[in-house]
Protein backbone atom coordinates (compact mmCIF):
# COMPACT_ATOMS: atom_id res chain seq x y z
CA MET A 1 62.52 -45.83 -20.83
CA PRO A 2 60.88 -47.60 -17.92
CA GLN A 3 58.63 -45.54 -15.62
CA THR A 4 59.46 -45.43 -11.97
CA PRO A 5 56.73 -45.28 -9.33
CA THR A 6 57.51 -41.59 -8.70
CA THR A 7 57.02 -40.56 -12.34
CA GLN A 8 53.91 -42.76 -12.53
CA ARG A 9 52.37 -40.87 -9.56
CA ALA A 10 53.37 -37.50 -11.03
CA MET A 11 51.62 -38.27 -14.32
CA ASN A 12 48.46 -39.54 -12.59
CA SER A 13 48.21 -36.45 -10.36
CA SER A 14 48.66 -34.07 -13.32
CA GLN A 15 45.91 -35.84 -15.23
CA ARG A 16 43.41 -35.44 -12.38
CA GLY A 17 43.52 -31.61 -11.95
CA PHE A 18 42.08 -28.66 -13.90
CA THR A 19 44.14 -26.40 -16.05
CA LEU A 20 44.09 -22.64 -15.58
CA ILE A 21 42.19 -22.21 -18.85
CA GLU A 22 39.48 -24.66 -17.75
CA ILE A 23 39.03 -22.79 -14.46
CA ILE A 24 38.76 -19.42 -16.25
CA ILE A 25 36.18 -20.82 -18.70
CA GLY A 26 34.19 -22.23 -15.76
CA ILE A 27 34.18 -18.87 -14.00
CA VAL A 28 33.03 -17.07 -17.17
CA VAL A 29 30.20 -19.58 -17.71
CA LEU A 30 29.15 -19.25 -14.06
CA GLY A 31 29.19 -15.44 -14.34
CA ILE A 32 27.03 -15.50 -17.47
CA SER A 33 24.59 -17.87 -15.76
CA ILE A 34 24.25 -15.59 -12.75
CA VAL A 35 23.66 -12.55 -14.98
CA LEU A 36 20.92 -14.41 -16.87
CA LEU A 37 19.27 -15.45 -13.61
CA THR A 38 19.23 -11.91 -12.25
CA VAL A 39 17.96 -10.42 -15.50
CA LEU A 40 15.34 -13.02 -16.43
CA LEU A 41 14.28 -15.01 -13.40
CA PHE A 42 14.47 -12.76 -10.33
CA PRO A 43 12.17 -10.00 -11.71
CA GLN A 44 9.53 -12.70 -12.22
CA ALA A 45 9.54 -13.36 -8.49
CA GLN A 46 8.68 -9.72 -7.82
CA ARG A 47 5.93 -9.73 -10.45
CA SER A 48 4.40 -12.84 -8.91
CA ALA A 49 3.88 -10.92 -5.65
CA GLU A 50 2.10 -7.99 -7.35
CA PRO A 51 -1.39 -9.60 -7.54
CA LEU A 52 -1.29 -10.35 -3.83
CA LEU A 53 -0.24 -6.78 -3.00
CA GLN A 54 -2.93 -5.41 -5.31
CA GLN A 55 -5.58 -7.53 -3.60
CA ARG A 56 -4.42 -6.37 -0.17
CA ALA A 57 -4.40 -2.73 -1.31
CA ALA A 58 -7.97 -3.12 -2.61
CA ALA A 59 -9.12 -4.69 0.66
CA LEU A 60 -7.46 -1.95 2.72
CA GLY A 61 -8.87 0.84 0.51
CA GLN A 62 -12.40 -0.60 0.63
CA THR A 63 -12.17 -1.00 4.41
CA PHE A 64 -11.29 2.66 4.85
CA LEU A 65 -14.09 3.76 2.51
CA ASP A 66 -16.59 1.63 4.44
CA GLU A 67 -15.40 2.98 7.80
CA ILE A 68 -15.46 6.63 6.71
CA SER A 69 -18.78 6.39 4.85
CA GLY A 70 -20.39 5.04 8.01
CA LYS A 71 -19.65 8.26 9.90
CA SER A 72 -21.82 11.39 10.05
CA PHE A 73 -21.67 13.79 7.12
CA ASP A 74 -20.49 16.66 9.30
CA GLU A 75 -19.55 17.54 12.87
CA ASN A 76 -22.76 19.57 13.10
CA SER A 77 -25.04 16.79 11.78
CA ASP A 78 -27.67 15.40 14.11
CA ARG A 79 -26.39 11.93 15.04
CA GLN A 80 -29.66 10.90 16.69
CA GLY A 81 -31.57 10.44 13.42
CA GLY A 82 -33.08 13.91 13.50
CA LEU A 83 -34.73 15.57 10.57
CA VAL A 84 -32.41 18.57 10.33
CA ARG A 85 -29.14 18.11 8.47
CA CYS A 86 -26.19 20.49 8.61
CA GLY A 87 -26.82 23.41 6.32
CA GLU A 88 -30.55 23.39 7.08
CA GLY A 89 -32.26 25.76 9.47
CA THR A 90 -29.84 27.21 12.00
CA THR A 91 -27.33 24.34 11.72
CA THR A 92 -24.23 25.17 9.68
CA CYS A 93 -21.79 22.81 7.99
CA THR A 94 -18.05 22.89 8.58
CA ALA A 95 -16.31 25.42 6.34
CA PRO A 96 -14.19 23.89 3.54
CA VAL A 97 -10.99 25.37 4.99
CA ALA A 98 -11.75 23.80 8.40
CA LEU A 99 -12.03 20.19 7.22
CA GLY A 100 -10.06 17.79 9.38
CA PRO A 101 -10.17 16.50 12.95
CA ASP A 102 -12.01 18.70 15.43
CA GLY A 103 -9.67 17.85 18.28
CA GLU A 104 -10.42 14.12 18.02
CA THR A 105 -7.95 11.29 17.68
CA ARG A 106 -8.22 8.53 15.09
CA GLU A 107 -10.13 6.35 17.57
CA THR A 108 -12.78 9.03 18.19
CA PHE A 109 -13.38 10.39 14.67
CA ASP A 110 -17.12 10.92 14.39
CA ASP A 111 -17.66 12.55 10.98
CA VAL A 112 -16.39 12.15 7.43
CA ASP A 113 -14.11 15.18 7.28
CA ASP A 114 -12.20 14.17 10.44
CA TYR A 115 -10.24 11.82 8.16
CA HIS A 116 -9.07 14.68 5.92
CA GLN A 117 -5.27 14.64 5.46
CA LEU A 118 -4.84 11.47 7.49
CA GLU A 119 -1.57 9.86 6.38
CA LEU A 120 0.13 6.90 7.96
CA THR A 121 3.24 4.90 7.16
CA ALA A 122 3.34 1.36 8.55
CA PRO A 123 -0.08 1.76 10.17
CA SER A 124 -1.20 -0.31 13.11
CA LEU A 125 -4.23 -2.17 11.82
CA GLN A 126 -6.74 -4.44 13.49
CA ASP A 127 -9.50 -6.63 12.11
CA ALA A 128 -13.09 -6.62 13.40
CA LEU A 129 -12.11 -8.94 16.25
CA GLY A 130 -9.31 -6.65 17.38
CA ASP A 131 -6.51 -8.92 16.13
CA ASP A 132 -3.39 -7.16 14.84
CA ILE A 133 -3.12 -7.54 11.04
CA ALA A 134 -0.34 -5.01 10.40
CA ALA A 135 2.08 -7.84 9.50
CA ARG A 136 0.05 -8.36 6.30
CA TYR A 137 0.64 -4.75 5.27
CA VAL A 138 4.38 -4.29 5.82
CA GLY A 139 5.62 -1.36 3.74
CA PHE A 140 2.09 -0.13 2.93
CA THR A 141 1.11 3.50 3.45
CA TYR A 142 -2.16 5.31 2.98
CA SER A 143 -3.45 8.85 2.79
CA ILE A 144 -7.01 10.17 2.90
CA GLU A 145 -8.36 13.39 1.42
CA VAL A 146 -11.89 14.72 1.98
CA CYS A 147 -13.42 17.71 0.18
CA TYR A 148 -16.83 19.15 -0.60
CA SER A 149 -17.75 18.14 -4.14
CA ASP A 150 -20.45 18.24 -6.76
CA ASN A 151 -22.54 15.14 -7.51
CA ILE A 152 -19.86 13.69 -9.82
CA GLY A 153 -16.92 14.04 -7.42
CA VAL A 154 -15.22 17.27 -8.51
CA CYS A 155 -13.95 19.16 -5.45
CA GLN A 156 -15.59 22.52 -4.77
CA SER A 157 -14.44 25.47 -2.69
CA THR A 158 -17.90 26.02 -1.21
CA ILE A 159 -20.18 23.93 0.99
CA THR A 160 -22.20 21.42 -1.05
CA ALA A 161 -24.45 18.46 -0.30
CA PHE A 162 -21.62 15.99 -1.06
CA LYS A 163 -18.18 15.17 0.30
CA ARG A 164 -15.69 13.24 -1.79
CA ILE A 165 -13.59 10.71 0.10
CA GLN A 166 -10.36 9.71 -1.64
CA VAL A 167 -8.16 6.98 -0.16
CA THR A 168 -4.73 6.37 -1.70
CA VAL A 169 -3.04 3.12 -0.71
CA THR A 170 0.63 2.67 -1.64
CA THR A 171 2.07 -0.86 -1.66
CA SER A 172 5.57 -1.81 -0.61
CA PHE A 173 6.51 -1.82 -4.33
CA GLY A 174 5.47 1.85 -4.61
CA GLN A 175 2.26 1.21 -6.57
CA ASP A 176 -0.52 3.72 -5.81
CA PHE A 177 -4.14 2.61 -5.76
CA VAL A 178 -6.79 5.34 -5.48
CA PHE A 179 -10.29 4.63 -4.17
CA THR A 180 -12.97 7.32 -4.28
CA SER A 181 -16.46 7.53 -2.82
CA LEU A 182 -19.10 10.24 -2.40
CA ARG A 183 -20.95 10.78 0.86
CA GLY A 184 -24.19 12.71 0.67
CA ASN A 185 -25.64 14.96 3.35
CA TYR A 186 -28.46 12.73 4.49
């Protein structure tokens, strides 16, 4: 039987398309590929950011320790380089239950225990030149605890010659990094 131009075109067009089974198989293969990508590849992207966040947390923690350690031991310490420290002579040290800011704001903290129970989410941070660096620490939080301690850093309920400074920095992935330092009454 001779083929007419109409039947010839009908056969050519049916040979160029996909069958329903081919489309379903393609969708299944695509679905499996996407599942493999999300399970195997995408978590690697998150893990590759962890070292950078850890480095930033370490830098932030060390910065706070340096800032706090540079302050006076106590509100009642002689800040003029005098010979009498708090707890000596008639000068008393701040009671352990009274640790914390003595009416100061963060900008005017002048002794170690002013930082006690300082917690900030999405802090506004500046470098030494006053430039805003908070964009580097998006999602970071920190908290600071100060207590009187013995010479190895165990908190005490009485006044001692040491204060333990503990800074906890939490990254945007929820990882906690704890930095601890002792400040002596000198």
